């Protein structure tokens, strides 16, 4: 895969084969996240790897019944640690930078998954308190994303549309 083609190969997969993914693949996903950029290189994130069916069921309930979280062999929960960003950047770090940093880590996981031939999906619709309970998160950690990962059940959809650049870009000369 050419480096630039990974952007077109990534898609939101919600149907997974009943096939485990290797520990090497999970480590590659986590390494990609670990090397994401972060404000001041503070790396205000924590990653939780969930394989346990009961915990995945709790996450699916917290995510308003998104059952594909249970079907995926692995779910990676990405959490922000706002106070780690606040140390250098105050309220802006607490409210914004830690979220931007974890978003970069999520995108890195998604792109690495595509490069490995895995399907993944960025799930942000969930009740934070329910996810925190399911994962027994320590005080001060904020769940930002759940990423189910596995081998796709089918091919990438061909009808993925994007707005034209002319409608989303404004240039200043």
Protein backbone atom coordinates (compact mmCIF):
# COMPACT_ATOMS: atom_id res chain seq x y z
CA UNK A 1 0.00 0.00 0.00
CA UNK A 2 1.35 3.40 -0.91
CA UNK A 3 1.43 5.75 2.09
CA UNK A 4 -1.07 8.19 0.59
CA UNK A 5 -3.55 5.49 -0.42
CA UNK A 6 -4.21 4.57 3.21
CA UNK A 7 -6.49 7.63 3.42
CA UNK A 8 -8.76 6.20 0.73
CA UNK A 9 -8.58 2.65 2.12
CA UNK A 10 -9.81 3.64 5.59
CA UNK A 11 -13.53 3.25 6.15
CA UNK A 12 -15.91 2.84 9.09
CA UNK A 13 -16.30 -0.92 9.37
CA UNK A 14 -19.20 -2.16 11.49
CA UNK A 15 -19.31 -5.84 10.45
CA UNK A 16 -16.51 -8.11 11.59
CA UNK A 17 -15.50 -11.71 10.96
CA UNK A 18 -15.41 -14.04 13.92
CA UNK A 19 -11.63 -14.22 13.69
CA UNK A 20 -9.09 -13.03 16.28
CA UNK A 21 -6.43 -10.48 15.46
CA UNK A 22 -2.85 -11.11 16.48
CA UNK A 23 -1.13 -9.55 19.46
CA UNK A 24 1.40 -8.12 17.00
CA UNK A 25 -1.41 -6.29 15.20
CA UNK A 26 -2.79 -4.93 18.48
CA UNK A 27 0.69 -3.74 19.43
CA UNK A 28 1.09 -2.06 16.03
CA UNK A 29 -2.20 -0.19 16.58
CA UNK A 30 -1.10 0.96 20.03
CA UNK A 31 2.33 2.00 18.76
CA UNK A 32 0.67 4.08 16.05
CA UNK A 33 -1.41 5.79 18.75
CA UNK A 34 1.60 6.31 20.99
CA UNK A 35 3.45 8.15 18.20
CA UNK A 36 0.58 10.53 17.45
CA UNK A 37 1.37 14.22 17.95
CA UNK A 38 0.35 15.89 21.19
CA UNK A 39 0.53 19.44 22.50
CA UNK A 40 3.85 19.98 24.26
CA UNK A 41 4.51 16.24 23.75
CA UNK A 42 2.52 15.67 26.95
CA UNK A 43 0.79 12.54 25.58
CA UNK A 44 -2.29 12.97 27.81
CA UNK A 45 -3.90 9.68 26.86
CA UNK A 46 -4.55 6.17 28.07
CA UNK A 47 -5.47 3.18 25.91
CA UNK A 48 -7.56 0.24 27.08
CA UNK A 49 -7.63 -2.99 25.06
CA UNK A 50 -10.87 -4.89 25.60
CA UNK A 51 -11.30 -8.50 24.48
CA UNK A 52 -13.66 -9.64 27.23
CA UNK A 53 -17.16 -10.26 25.86
CA UNK A 54 -18.93 -9.09 29.04
CA UNK A 55 -17.06 -5.77 29.05
CA UNK A 56 -17.69 -5.31 25.32
CA UNK A 57 -21.41 -5.89 26.02
CA UNK A 58 -21.34 -3.18 28.68
CA UNK A 59 -19.66 -0.84 26.20
CA UNK A 60 -22.29 -1.61 23.56
CA UNK A 61 -25.02 -0.71 26.06
CA UNK A 62 -23.17 2.49 26.96
CA UNK A 63 -22.95 3.21 23.21
CA UNK A 64 -26.74 3.13 22.77
CA UNK A 65 -26.89 -0.48 21.57
CA UNK A 66 -24.15 -0.43 18.95
CA UNK A 67 -23.78 -4.22 18.96
CA UNK A 68 -20.89 -4.29 16.51
CA UNK A 69 -18.72 -3.38 19.52
CA UNK A 70 -19.43 -6.89 20.83
CA UNK A 71 -18.78 -8.55 17.46
CA UNK A 72 -15.31 -7.04 17.05
CA UNK A 73 -12.54 -9.22 18.50
CA UNK A 74 -10.91 -6.14 20.06
CA UNK A 75 -12.15 -2.74 21.19
CA UNK A 76 -9.64 -0.04 21.99
CA UNK A 77 -10.92 2.66 24.32
CA UNK A 78 -9.06 5.95 24.00
CA UNK A 79 -9.20 8.17 27.08
CA UNK A 80 -7.93 11.69 27.68
CA UNK A 81 -6.27 12.81 30.88
CA UNK A 82 -7.22 16.52 30.92
CA UNK A 83 -5.11 17.46 33.94
CA UNK A 84 -1.94 16.30 32.19
CA UNK A 85 -2.59 18.90 29.47
CA UNK A 86 -3.62 21.51 32.01
CA UNK A 87 -0.19 21.38 33.66
CA UNK A 88 1.33 23.35 30.77
CA UNK A 89 -1.72 24.89 29.11
CA UNK A 90 -4.28 25.58 31.82
CA UNK A 91 -7.95 25.54 30.89
CA UNK A 92 -7.28 25.41 27.13
CA UNK A 93 -5.19 22.26 27.64
CA UNK A 94 -7.84 20.76 29.90
CA UNK A 95 -10.78 21.53 27.61
CA UNK A 96 -9.25 21.33 24.14
CA UNK A 97 -5.68 20.12 23.71
CA UNK A 98 -6.18 16.77 25.43
CA UNK A 99 -9.17 16.12 23.13
CA UNK A 100 -7.21 17.13 20.04
CA UNK A 101 -4.34 14.90 21.14
CA UNK A 102 -6.54 11.86 21.66
CA UNK A 103 -8.28 12.54 18.33
CA UNK A 104 -4.87 12.39 16.62
CA UNK A 105 -4.20 9.08 18.38
CA UNK A 106 -7.57 7.71 17.22
CA UNK A 107 -6.83 8.68 13.62
CA UNK A 108 -3.42 6.99 13.86
CA UNK A 109 -5.10 3.77 15.06
CA UNK A 110 -7.62 3.91 12.22
CA UNK A 111 -4.94 4.45 9.58
CA UNK A 112 -2.73 1.69 11.01
CA UNK A 113 -5.72 -0.67 11.01
CA UNK A 114 -6.31 0.07 7.32
CA UNK A 115 -2.65 -0.55 6.56
CA UNK A 116 -2.90 -3.93 8.29
CA UNK A 117 -6.03 -4.91 6.34
CA UNK A 118 -8.21 -4.57 9.44
CA UNK A 119 -11.54 -2.85 9.75
CA UNK A 120 -12.19 -0.29 12.46
CA UNK A 121 -14.71 2.37 13.38
CA UNK A 122 -14.48 5.57 15.44
CA UNK A 123 -17.35 5.39 17.93
CA UNK A 124 -17.99 8.60 19.82
CA UNK A 125 -21.67 8.19 20.61
CA UNK A 126 -21.78 6.83 24.15
CA UNK A 127 -22.57 7.80 27.71
CA UNK A 128 -19.22 8.76 29.21
CA UNK A 129 -20.18 7.75 32.74
CA UNK A 130 -21.28 4.29 31.60
CA UNK A 131 -18.04 3.72 29.68
CA UNK A 132 -16.03 4.92 32.67
CA UNK A 133 -17.89 2.43 34.90
CA UNK A 134 -17.49 -0.46 32.44
CA UNK A 135 -13.74 0.15 32.27
CA UNK A 136 -13.37 1.07 35.93
CA UNK A 137 -11.52 4.21 34.87
CA UNK A 138 -9.55 6.11 37.48
CA UNK A 139 -10.78 9.56 38.44
CA UNK A 140 -9.59 12.16 35.97
CA UNK A 141 -9.75 10.05 32.81
CA UNK A 142 -12.29 10.97 30.14
CA UNK A 143 -13.39 8.40 27.52
CA UNK A 144 -13.13 10.00 24.08
CA UNK A 145 -13.52 7.12 21.61
CA UNK A 146 -14.23 3.43 21.34
CA UNK A 147 -12.60 1.71 18.38
CA UNK A 148 -13.80 -1.78 17.47
CA UNK A 149 -11.16 -3.55 15.38
CA UNK A 150 -11.23 -6.79 13.42
CA UNK A 151 -11.24 -8.36 10.00
CA UNK A 152 -14.04 -6.87 7.88
CA UNK A 153 -16.95 -9.16 7.03
CA UNK A 154 -17.23 -7.66 3.56
CA UNK A 155 -15.49 -5.30 1.17
CA UNK A 156 -15.15 -1.56 1.59
CA UNK A 157 -18.31 0.23 0.41
CA UNK A 158 -17.87 1.90 -2.96
CA UNK A 159 -20.40 4.71 -2.41
CA UNK A 160 -18.34 6.71 0.08
CA UNK A 161 -18.89 10.34 -0.82
CA UNK A 162 -16.94 13.41 0.19
CA UNK A 163 -17.74 17.06 -0.36
CA UNK A 164 -15.72 18.71 -3.11
CA UNK A 165 -12.76 20.79 -1.98
CA UNK A 166 -14.38 23.87 -3.50
CA UNK A 167 -17.17 23.67 -0.91
CA UNK A 168 -14.94 23.23 2.15
CA UNK A 169 -11.77 25.22 1.46
CA UNK A 170 -11.27 28.97 1.56
CA UNK A 171 -7.94 30.36 0.45
CA UNK A 172 -6.31 33.59 1.54
CA UNK A 173 -3.73 34.91 -0.91
